[in-house]
Amino acid sequence: MRKLRTEEIQRPELKDISQSKKFPICLVLDNIRSMHNVGSAFRTADALGVQHIHLCGITAQPPHRDINKTALGATDSVDWTYTKNISELLLSLKNEGYKIVLIEQTNKSHSLEDFYPEPVEKYAFVFGNEVFGLSEQSLQHADIAIEIPQYGIKHSFNVSVSMGIILWHYVMNILRN
């Protein structure tokens, strides 16, 4: 066994990325305070074929040195927009046919292991602030809330880790169908 060299890994080039397979999903980042988490969202979205990232509220926007530090160029390969008002954004996404999926611990959350995405549906996965979680405005527009099972003393994962878990779960379920 040997590690592959970068040139041996067959990845699309930036000029060809618009032709790459994308899943009918978007990320909504609701008041994410860490630019490193924003950069990580871009990198994860690029790796897992996310169509779009919506940055909301206080969430920082590219270009920024601290976002680029973790995104490693993914801000150029993933489409994104900034919207100040999350309620307007979520209403617009609903009108476009997206199911609004909150990643949050609520009194009506479903466990991730019980979430089976439908291949024909479009999903907007909404992630909240690292300290306070999702804004109250986002709760009003939810179709479902999902939480990731955890077995330790902490009550949450880092938001960028949560994005990776949720997106991997989504992609693997879609590819199996």
N, C-alpha and C. Protein backbone atom coordinates (compact mmCIF):
# COMPACT_ATOMS: atom_id res chain seq x y z
N MET A 1 0.85 -1.18 0.00
CA MET A 1 0.00 0.00 0.00
C MET A 1 0.89 1.24 0.00
N ARG A 2 0.43 2.26 -0.74
CA ARG A 2 1.13 3.53 -0.72
C ARG A 2 0.10 4.64 -0.85
N LYS A 3 0.43 5.77 -0.33
CA LYS A 3 -0.44 6.94 -0.48
C LYS A 3 -0.41 7.40 -1.92
N LEU A 4 -1.55 7.88 -2.39
CA LEU A 4 -1.59 8.45 -3.73
C LEU A 4 -1.02 9.86 -3.70
N ARG A 5 -0.31 10.21 -4.76
CA ARG A 5 0.16 11.57 -4.91
C ARG A 5 -1.02 12.42 -5.37
N THR A 6 -0.98 13.70 -5.11
CA THR A 6 -2.08 14.60 -5.46
C THR A 6 -2.46 14.47 -6.92
N GLU A 7 -1.49 14.37 -7.81
CA GLU A 7 -1.80 14.29 -9.24
C GLU A 7 -2.43 12.96 -9.63
N GLU A 8 -2.36 11.95 -8.76
CA GLU A 8 -3.00 10.66 -9.04
C GLU A 8 -4.48 10.63 -8.63
N ILE A 9 -4.87 11.57 -7.79
CA ILE A 9 -6.26 11.63 -7.35
C ILE A 9 -7.04 12.39 -8.41
N GLN A 10 -8.00 11.73 -9.01
CA GLN A 10 -8.71 12.34 -10.13
C GLN A 10 -9.85 13.21 -9.61
N ARG A 11 -9.57 14.49 -9.53
CA ARG A 11 -10.54 15.49 -9.08
C ARG A 11 -10.83 16.41 -10.25
N PRO A 12 -12.04 16.95 -10.30
CA PRO A 12 -12.31 17.93 -11.37
C PRO A 12 -11.50 19.20 -11.13
N GLU A 13 -11.20 19.88 -12.20
CA GLU A 13 -10.55 21.17 -12.08
C GLU A 13 -11.61 22.24 -11.87
N LEU A 14 -11.20 23.39 -11.35
CA LEU A 14 -12.14 24.46 -11.06
C LEU A 14 -12.96 24.84 -12.29
N LYS A 15 -12.35 24.87 -13.45
CA LYS A 15 -13.06 25.25 -14.67
C LYS A 15 -14.14 24.23 -15.04
N ASP A 16 -14.04 22.99 -14.54
CA ASP A 16 -15.00 21.93 -14.86
C ASP A 16 -16.00 21.67 -13.74
N ILE A 17 -15.89 22.40 -12.63
CA ILE A 17 -16.69 22.09 -11.45
C ILE A 17 -18.18 22.25 -11.69
N SER A 18 -18.57 23.15 -12.58
CA SER A 18 -20.00 23.33 -12.83
C SER A 18 -20.62 22.09 -13.46
N GLN A 19 -19.79 21.22 -14.05
CA GLN A 19 -20.28 19.98 -14.66
C GLN A 19 -20.30 18.82 -13.66
N SER A 20 -19.74 19.02 -12.48
CA SER A 20 -19.66 17.96 -11.47
C SER A 20 -21.03 17.66 -10.89
N LYS A 21 -21.15 16.43 -10.39
CA LYS A 21 -22.40 16.02 -9.77
C LYS A 21 -22.64 16.84 -8.50
N LYS A 22 -23.82 17.41 -8.41
CA LYS A 22 -24.23 18.14 -7.21
C LYS A 22 -25.54 17.52 -6.74
N PHE A 23 -25.71 17.48 -5.45
CA PHE A 23 -26.95 16.98 -4.87
C PHE A 23 -27.91 18.16 -4.67
N PRO A 24 -29.20 17.89 -4.66
CA PRO A 24 -30.19 18.98 -4.51
C PRO A 24 -30.31 19.44 -3.06
N ILE A 25 -29.18 19.89 -2.53
CA ILE A 25 -29.14 20.32 -1.13
C ILE A 25 -28.38 21.63 -1.03
N CYS A 26 -28.71 22.37 0.03
CA CYS A 26 -27.96 23.58 0.35
C CYS A 26 -27.73 23.62 1.85
N LEU A 27 -26.73 24.38 2.24
CA LEU A 27 -26.46 24.64 3.64
C LEU A 27 -26.90 26.05 3.95
N VAL A 28 -27.49 26.22 5.12
CA VAL A 28 -27.83 27.55 5.62
C VAL A 28 -27.07 27.73 6.93
N LEU A 29 -26.18 28.71 6.96
CA LEU A 29 -25.38 28.98 8.15
C LEU A 29 -25.98 30.19 8.86
N ASP A 30 -26.60 29.94 9.99
CA ASP A 30 -27.35 30.93 10.75
C ASP A 30 -26.49 31.49 11.88
N ASN A 31 -25.89 32.65 11.65
CA ASN A 31 -25.10 33.33 12.68
C ASN A 31 -23.90 32.53 13.18
N ILE A 32 -23.16 31.93 12.25
CA ILE A 32 -21.94 31.21 12.62
C ILE A 32 -20.86 32.25 12.91
N ARG A 33 -20.27 32.18 14.09
CA ARG A 33 -19.33 33.24 14.50
C ARG A 33 -17.89 32.95 14.11
N SER A 34 -17.53 31.69 13.95
CA SER A 34 -16.14 31.35 13.65
C SER A 34 -15.90 31.28 12.14
N MET A 35 -14.94 32.07 11.68
CA MET A 35 -14.60 32.02 10.26
C MET A 35 -13.97 30.69 9.88
N HIS A 36 -13.35 30.02 10.83
CA HIS A 36 -12.80 28.69 10.56
C HIS A 36 -13.94 27.70 10.30
N ASN A 37 -15.04 27.82 11.03
CA ASN A 37 -16.20 26.96 10.78
C ASN A 37 -16.84 27.27 9.43
N VAL A 38 -16.85 28.52 9.05
CA VAL A 38 -17.39 28.90 7.73
C VAL A 38 -16.50 28.28 6.64
N GLY A 39 -15.20 28.41 6.78
CA GLY A 39 -14.28 27.80 5.81
C GLY A 39 -14.44 26.30 5.74
N SER A 40 -14.61 25.68 6.88
CA SER A 40 -14.83 24.24 6.93
C SER A 40 -16.13 23.85 6.23
N ALA A 41 -17.16 24.67 6.37
CA ALA A 41 -18.43 24.41 5.68
C ALA A 41 -18.21 24.39 4.17
N PHE A 42 -17.44 25.34 3.66
CA PHE A 42 -17.15 25.37 2.22
C PHE A 42 -16.39 24.12 1.78
N ARG A 43 -15.40 23.75 2.55
CA ARG A 43 -14.59 22.59 2.17
C ARG A 43 -15.41 21.31 2.19
N THR A 44 -16.25 21.14 3.21
CA THR A 44 -17.11 19.97 3.31
C THR A 44 -18.16 19.98 2.20
N ALA A 45 -18.73 21.15 1.92
CA ALA A 45 -19.73 21.27 0.86
C ALA A 45 -19.13 20.91 -0.49
N ASP A 46 -17.91 21.34 -0.74
CA ASP A 46 -17.23 21.00 -1.99
C ASP A 46 -17.04 19.49 -2.09
N ALA A 47 -16.55 18.88 -1.02
CA ALA A 47 -16.25 17.44 -1.04
C ALA A 47 -17.49 16.59 -1.24
N LEU A 48 -18.64 17.05 -0.73
CA LEU A 48 -19.84 16.22 -0.75
C LEU A 48 -20.92 16.72 -1.71
N GLY A 49 -20.56 17.57 -2.64
CA GLY A 49 -21.47 17.92 -3.74
C GLY A 49 -22.66 18.77 -3.38
N VAL A 50 -22.49 19.71 -2.46
CA VAL A 50 -23.57 20.61 -2.08
C VAL A 50 -23.73 21.68 -3.17
N GLN A 51 -24.97 21.99 -3.53
CA GLN A 51 -25.22 22.98 -4.58
C GLN A 51 -24.92 24.41 -4.16
N HIS A 52 -25.23 24.76 -2.92
CA HIS A 52 -25.18 26.17 -2.54
C HIS A 52 -25.03 26.30 -1.03
N ILE A 53 -24.36 27.36 -0.61
CA ILE A 53 -24.30 27.73 0.81
C ILE A 53 -24.92 29.11 0.95
N HIS A 54 -25.83 29.23 1.92
CA HIS A 54 -26.44 30.51 2.26
C HIS A 54 -25.85 30.97 3.59
N LEU A 55 -25.22 32.13 3.60
CA LEU A 55 -24.65 32.71 4.81
C LEU A 55 -25.63 33.74 5.33
N CYS A 56 -25.96 33.67 6.63
CA CYS A 56 -26.99 34.55 7.20
C CYS A 56 -26.50 35.24 8.47
N GLY A 57 -27.10 36.40 8.73
CA GLY A 57 -26.84 37.12 9.98
C GLY A 57 -25.40 37.55 10.11
N ILE A 58 -24.76 37.18 11.23
CA ILE A 58 -23.38 37.60 11.49
C ILE A 58 -22.35 36.71 10.81
N THR A 59 -22.79 35.68 10.10
CA THR A 59 -21.86 34.77 9.45
C THR A 59 -20.97 35.54 8.47
N ALA A 60 -19.67 35.35 8.62
CA ALA A 60 -18.70 36.05 7.76
C ALA A 60 -18.76 35.53 6.34
N GLN A 61 -18.33 36.40 5.42
CA GLN A 61 -18.38 36.07 4.00
C GLN A 61 -16.97 36.08 3.41
N PRO A 62 -16.74 35.21 2.43
CA PRO A 62 -15.48 35.30 1.70
C PRO A 62 -15.45 36.58 0.88
N PRO A 63 -14.31 37.06 0.50
CA PRO A 63 -13.01 36.51 0.83
C PRO A 63 -12.53 37.01 2.19
N HIS A 64 -11.95 36.13 2.93
CA HIS A 64 -11.33 36.50 4.20
C HIS A 64 -10.23 35.48 4.49
N ARG A 65 -9.13 35.96 5.00
CA ARG A 65 -7.96 35.13 5.29
C ARG A 65 -8.31 33.94 6.18
N ASP A 66 -9.12 34.15 7.23
CA ASP A 66 -9.44 33.06 8.15
C ASP A 66 -10.42 32.05 7.55
N ILE A 67 -11.28 32.49 6.65
CA ILE A 67 -12.16 31.54 5.94
C ILE A 67 -11.31 30.72 4.97
N ASN A 68 -10.46 31.41 4.22
CA ASN A 68 -9.63 30.74 3.22
C ASN A 68 -8.67 29.73 3.84
N LYS A 69 -8.28 29.98 5.08
CA LYS A 69 -7.33 29.10 5.76
C LYS A 69 -7.87 27.67 5.86
N THR A 70 -9.17 27.53 6.11
CA THR A 70 -9.75 26.19 6.20
C THR A 70 -10.48 25.76 4.94
N ALA A 71 -10.95 26.70 4.14
CA ALA A 71 -11.67 26.36 2.91
C ALA A 71 -10.73 25.81 1.84
N LEU A 72 -9.48 26.23 1.85
CA LEU A 72 -8.48 25.77 0.88
C LEU A 72 -8.97 25.85 -0.56
N GLY A 73 -9.58 26.97 -0.92
CA GLY A 73 -10.03 27.19 -2.30
C GLY A 73 -11.47 26.83 -2.58
N ALA A 74 -12.15 26.20 -1.63
CA ALA A 74 -13.53 25.77 -1.86
C ALA A 74 -14.51 26.93 -1.97
N THR A 75 -14.12 28.13 -1.56
CA THR A 75 -15.00 29.28 -1.75
C THR A 75 -15.15 29.61 -3.23
N ASP A 76 -14.25 29.09 -4.06
CA ASP A 76 -14.35 29.29 -5.50
C ASP A 76 -15.13 28.17 -6.19
N SER A 77 -15.31 27.04 -5.53
CA SER A 77 -15.97 25.89 -6.17
C SER A 77 -17.39 25.65 -5.69
N VAL A 78 -17.81 26.36 -4.65
CA VAL A 78 -19.17 26.20 -4.13
C VAL A 78 -19.87 27.55 -4.25
N ASP A 79 -21.05 27.55 -4.90
CA ASP A 79 -21.82 28.79 -5.00
C ASP A 79 -22.32 29.20 -3.63
N TRP A 80 -22.35 30.51 -3.38
CA TRP A 80 -22.82 30.99 -2.09
C TRP A 80 -23.43 32.37 -2.26
N THR A 81 -24.30 32.70 -1.29
CA THR A 81 -24.89 34.03 -1.21
C THR A 81 -24.98 34.42 0.25
N TYR A 82 -25.09 35.72 0.48
CA TYR A 82 -25.31 36.23 1.83
C TYR A 82 -26.69 36.86 1.89
N THR A 83 -27.43 36.53 2.95
CA THR A 83 -28.73 37.12 3.24
C THR A 83 -28.75 37.49 4.71
N LYS A 84 -29.07 38.72 5.02
CA LYS A 84 -29.10 39.14 6.42
C LYS A 84 -30.24 38.46 7.18
N ASN A 85 -31.43 38.41 6.58
CA ASN A 85 -32.63 37.95 7.26
C ASN A 85 -32.91 36.48 6.96
N ILE A 86 -32.74 35.62 7.96
CA ILE A 86 -32.93 34.19 7.76
C ILE A 86 -34.38 33.82 7.48
N SER A 87 -35.33 34.54 8.07
CA SER A 87 -36.74 34.24 7.83
C SER A 87 -37.09 34.41 6.35
N GLU A 88 -36.63 35.51 5.76
CA GLU A 88 -36.89 35.73 4.33
C GLU A 88 -36.24 34.63 3.49
N LEU A 89 -35.02 34.25 3.84
CA LEU A 89 -34.33 33.20 3.10
C LEU A 89 -35.07 31.88 3.18
N LEU A 90 -35.44 31.46 4.40
CA LEU A 90 -36.10 30.17 4.56
C LEU A 90 -37.47 30.15 3.88
N LEU A 91 -38.18 31.25 3.92
CA LEU A 91 -39.46 31.33 3.21
C LEU A 91 -39.22 31.20 1.70
N SER A 92 -38.21 31.85 1.19
CA SER A 92 -37.87 31.75 -0.23
C SER A 92 -37.49 30.32 -0.61
N LEU A 93 -36.68 29.67 0.22
CA LEU A 93 -36.30 28.28 -0.05
C LEU A 93 -37.51 27.35 -0.04
N LYS A 94 -38.42 27.56 0.91
CA LYS A 94 -39.66 26.77 0.94
C LYS A 94 -40.45 26.95 -0.35
N ASN A 95 -40.54 28.20 -0.80
CA ASN A 95 -41.26 28.48 -2.04
C ASN A 95 -40.59 27.84 -3.26
N GLU A 96 -39.30 27.58 -3.16
CA GLU A 96 -38.56 26.89 -4.23
C GLU A 96 -38.65 25.37 -4.09
N GLY A 97 -39.38 24.90 -3.08
CA GLY A 97 -39.58 23.46 -2.91
C GLY A 97 -38.62 22.75 -1.99
N TYR A 98 -37.82 23.50 -1.26
CA TYR A 98 -36.89 22.87 -0.31
C TYR A 98 -37.60 22.48 0.96
N LYS A 99 -37.23 21.32 1.51
CA LYS A 99 -37.62 20.94 2.87
C LYS A 99 -36.59 21.59 3.79
N ILE A 100 -37.08 22.28 4.81
CA ILE A 100 -36.20 22.97 5.75
C ILE A 100 -35.89 22.02 6.91
N VAL A 101 -34.62 21.63 7.01
CA VAL A 101 -34.18 20.64 8.00
C VAL A 101 -33.25 21.34 8.99
N LEU A 102 -33.74 21.54 10.20
CA LEU A 102 -32.92 22.15 11.25
C LEU A 102 -32.05 21.08 11.89
N ILE A 103 -30.81 21.42 12.13
CA ILE A 103 -29.93 20.54 12.88
C ILE A 103 -29.85 21.16 14.27
N GLU A 104 -30.69 20.64 15.15
CA GLU A 104 -30.85 21.27 16.46
C GLU A 104 -31.53 20.30 17.42
N GLN A 105 -31.24 20.46 18.69
CA GLN A 105 -31.93 19.69 19.73
C GLN A 105 -33.18 20.47 20.12
N THR A 106 -34.33 19.92 19.76
CA THR A 106 -35.61 20.54 20.10
C THR A 106 -36.49 19.50 20.78
N ASN A 107 -37.65 19.95 21.27
CA ASN A 107 -38.57 19.00 21.89
C ASN A 107 -39.22 18.08 20.84
N LYS A 108 -39.00 18.34 19.55
CA LYS A 108 -39.58 17.50 18.49
C LYS A 108 -38.51 16.97 17.53
N SER A 109 -37.26 16.99 17.95
CA SER A 109 -36.18 16.50 17.08
C SER A 109 -36.31 15.01 16.83
N HIS A 110 -35.88 14.61 15.63
CA HIS A 110 -35.76 13.20 15.26
C HIS A 110 -34.28 12.85 15.28
N SER A 111 -33.98 11.63 15.65
CA SER A 111 -32.59 11.18 15.65
C SER A 111 -32.12 11.03 14.21
N LEU A 112 -30.88 11.40 13.94
CA LEU A 112 -30.33 11.30 12.60
C LEU A 112 -30.47 9.89 12.03
N GLU A 113 -30.31 8.89 12.88
CA GLU A 113 -30.40 7.51 12.39
C GLU A 113 -31.79 7.16 11.86
N ASP A 114 -32.80 7.97 12.19
CA ASP A 114 -34.16 7.75 11.69
C ASP A 114 -34.52 8.66 10.51
N PHE A 115 -33.55 9.42 10.02
CA PHE A 115 -33.78 10.33 8.89
C PHE A 115 -33.33 9.66 7.61
N TYR A 116 -34.29 9.41 6.73
CA TYR A 116 -34.03 8.79 5.44
C TYR A 116 -34.43 9.76 4.34
N PRO A 117 -33.48 10.52 3.81
CA PRO A 117 -33.83 11.51 2.79
C PRO A 117 -34.35 10.85 1.52
N GLU A 118 -35.27 11.53 0.89
CA GLU A 118 -35.86 11.07 -0.37
C GLU A 118 -35.03 11.61 -1.53
N PRO A 119 -34.66 10.78 -2.50
CA PRO A 119 -33.84 11.25 -3.62
C PRO A 119 -34.49 12.35 -4.46
N VAL A 120 -35.80 12.42 -4.48
CA VAL A 120 -36.47 13.42 -5.31
C VAL A 120 -36.70 14.75 -4.59
N GLU A 121 -36.40 14.80 -3.30
CA GLU A 121 -36.62 16.02 -2.52
C GLU A 121 -35.38 16.91 -2.52
N LYS A 122 -35.63 18.21 -2.36
CA LYS A 122 -34.56 19.18 -2.16
C LYS A 122 -34.54 19.52 -0.67
N TYR A 123 -33.34 19.59 -0.09
CA TYR A 123 -33.20 19.84 1.34
C TYR A 123 -32.32 21.06 1.60
N ALA A 124 -32.74 21.86 2.56
CA ALA A 124 -31.92 22.95 3.08
C ALA A 124 -31.59 22.59 4.53
N PHE A 125 -30.33 22.28 4.80
CA PHE A 125 -29.87 21.92 6.14
C PHE A 125 -29.40 23.19 6.83
N VAL A 126 -30.02 23.49 7.98
CA VAL A 126 -29.79 24.76 8.67
C VAL A 126 -28.97 24.50 9.94
N PHE A 127 -27.83 25.17 10.04
CA PHE A 127 -26.92 25.03 11.17
C PHE A 127 -26.80 26.36 11.89
N GLY A 128 -26.78 26.30 13.23
CA GLY A 128 -26.80 27.52 14.02
C GLY A 128 -25.50 27.88 14.70
N ASN A 129 -25.57 28.97 15.43
CA ASN A 129 -24.46 29.56 16.16
C ASN A 129 -23.83 28.54 17.11
N GLU A 130 -22.51 28.62 17.22
CA GLU A 130 -21.76 27.67 18.03
C GLU A 130 -22.14 27.68 19.50
N VAL A 131 -22.61 28.79 20.02
CA VAL A 131 -22.96 28.88 21.44
C VAL A 131 -24.48 28.79 21.64
N PHE A 132 -25.23 29.53 20.84
CA PHE A 132 -26.67 29.67 21.06
C PHE A 132 -27.54 28.79 20.17
N GLY A 133 -26.95 28.10 19.21
CA GLY A 133 -27.73 27.26 18.31
C GLY A 133 -28.49 28.09 17.30
N LEU A 134 -29.59 27.54 16.83
CA LEU A 134 -30.39 28.22 15.81
C LEU A 134 -31.20 29.36 16.39
N SER A 135 -31.42 30.35 15.57
CA SER A 135 -32.25 31.49 15.98
C SER A 135 -33.72 31.07 16.06
N GLU A 136 -34.48 31.78 16.85
CA GLU A 136 -35.92 31.51 16.97
C GLU A 136 -36.62 31.65 15.62
N GLN A 137 -36.14 32.58 14.78
CA GLN A 137 -36.75 32.78 13.47
C GLN A 137 -36.68 31.52 12.62
N SER A 138 -35.59 30.79 12.71
CA SER A 138 -35.44 29.58 11.89
C SER A 138 -36.41 28.49 12.34
N LEU A 139 -36.72 28.42 13.63
CA LEU A 139 -37.63 27.40 14.13
C LEU A 139 -39.02 27.51 13.51
N GLN A 140 -39.43 28.71 13.19
CA GLN A 140 -40.76 28.94 12.64
C GLN A 140 -40.95 28.35 11.24
N HIS A 141 -39.86 28.09 10.54
CA HIS A 141 -39.96 27.65 9.15
C HIS A 141 -39.59 26.18 8.96
N ALA A 142 -39.34 25.47 10.04
CA ALA A 142 -38.82 24.10 9.96
C ALA A 142 -39.88 23.11 9.50
N ASP A 143 -39.43 22.19 8.64
CA ASP A 143 -40.24 21.02 8.31
C ASP A 143 -39.90 19.87 9.25
N ILE A 144 -38.65 19.84 9.69
CA ILE A 144 -38.19 18.79 10.59
C ILE A 144 -36.94 19.29 11.31
N ALA A 145 -36.73 18.78 12.51
CA ALA A 145 -35.47 19.02 13.24
C ALA A 145 -34.80 17.67 13.46
N ILE A 146 -33.51 17.66 13.26
CA ILE A 146 -32.72 16.43 13.42
C ILE A 146 -31.63 16.70 14.45
N GLU A 147 -31.40 15.71 15.28
CA GLU A 147 -30.25 15.80 16.19
C GLU A 147 -29.39 14.57 16.02
N ILE A 148 -28.11 14.76 16.23
CA ILE A 148 -27.13 13.68 16.10
C ILE A 148 -26.99 13.01 17.46
N PRO A 149 -27.20 11.69 17.53
CA PRO A 149 -27.05 11.00 18.82
C PRO A 149 -25.63 11.18 19.38
N GLN A 150 -25.56 11.40 20.68
CA GLN A 150 -24.29 11.60 21.36
C GLN A 150 -24.31 10.84 22.67
N TYR A 151 -23.17 10.33 23.07
CA TYR A 151 -23.15 9.44 24.22
C TYR A 151 -22.19 9.89 25.32
N GLY A 152 -21.61 11.05 25.18
CA GLY A 152 -20.69 11.57 26.19
C GLY A 152 -21.36 12.61 27.06
N ILE A 153 -20.58 13.36 27.80
CA ILE A 153 -21.13 14.36 28.71
C ILE A 153 -21.41 15.69 28.02
N LYS A 154 -20.82 15.90 26.84
CA LYS A 154 -21.06 17.14 26.10
C LYS A 154 -22.41 17.04 25.37
N HIS A 155 -23.01 18.17 25.13
CA HIS A 155 -24.35 18.20 24.54
C HIS A 155 -24.34 18.52 23.05
N SER A 156 -23.16 18.76 22.49
CA SER A 156 -23.14 19.11 21.07
C SER A 156 -21.77 18.84 20.45
N PHE A 157 -21.79 18.69 19.12
CA PHE A 157 -20.57 18.63 18.34
C PHE A 157 -20.22 20.05 17.89
N ASN A 158 -18.98 20.25 17.49
CA ASN A 158 -18.64 21.48 16.80
C ASN A 158 -19.50 21.55 15.54
N VAL A 159 -19.93 22.75 15.16
CA VAL A 159 -20.85 22.89 14.04
C VAL A 159 -20.25 22.35 12.75
N SER A 160 -18.96 22.50 12.54
CA SER A 160 -18.36 21.97 11.31
C SER A 160 -18.35 20.44 11.31
N VAL A 161 -18.17 19.84 12.47
CA VAL A 161 -18.25 18.38 12.58
C VAL A 161 -19.68 17.93 12.29
N SER A 162 -20.66 18.65 12.84
CA SER A 162 -22.06 18.32 12.58
C SER A 162 -22.38 18.37 11.09
N MET A 163 -21.85 19.38 10.41
CA MET A 163 -22.08 19.48 8.96
C MET A 163 -21.56 18.24 8.25
N GLY A 164 -20.37 17.82 8.61
CA GLY A 164 -19.79 16.63 7.97
C GLY A 164 -20.62 15.39 8.23
N ILE A 165 -21.08 15.21 9.45
CA ILE A 165 -21.89 14.04 9.80
C ILE A 165 -23.21 14.06 9.03
N ILE A 166 -23.90 15.18 9.05
CA ILE A 166 -25.21 15.29 8.39
C ILE A 166 -25.07 15.08 6.88
N LEU A 167 -24.10 15.75 6.26
CA LEU A 167 -23.95 15.64 4.81
C LEU A 167 -23.52 14.24 4.39
N TRP A 168 -22.64 13.63 5.15
CA TRP A 168 -22.22 12.25 4.84
C TRP A 168 -23.42 11.31 4.95
N HIS A 169 -24.21 11.46 5.99
CA HIS A 169 -25.42 10.64 6.15
C HIS A 169 -26.35 10.82 4.95
N TYR A 170 -26.57 12.07 4.55
CA TYR A 170 -27.44 12.35 3.41
C TYR A 170 -26.90 11.67 2.15
N VAL A 171 -25.64 11.92 1.81
CA VAL A 171 -25.05 11.40 0.58
C VAL A 171 -25.08 9.87 0.56
N MET A 172 -24.70 9.25 1.65
CA MET A 172 -24.67 7.78 1.68
C MET A 172 -26.08 7.20 1.51
N ASN A 173 -27.08 7.81 2.11
CA ASN A 173 -28.45 7.32 1.94
C ASN A 173 -28.94 7.51 0.51
N ILE A 174 -28.62 8.63 -0.11
CA ILE A 174 -29.04 8.86 -1.49
C ILE A 174 -28.33 7.91 -2.44
N LEU A 175 -27.05 7.70 -2.25
CA LEU A 175 -26.29 6.81 -3.14
C LEU A 175 -26.74 5.36 -3.01
N ARG A 176 -27.25 4.99 -1.86
CA ARG A 176 -27.74 3.61 -1.66
C ARG A 176 -29.07 3.36 -2.37
N ASN A 177 -29.81 4.42 -2.66
CA ASN A 177 -31.12 4.27 -3.32
C ASN A 177 -31.00 4.18 -4.81
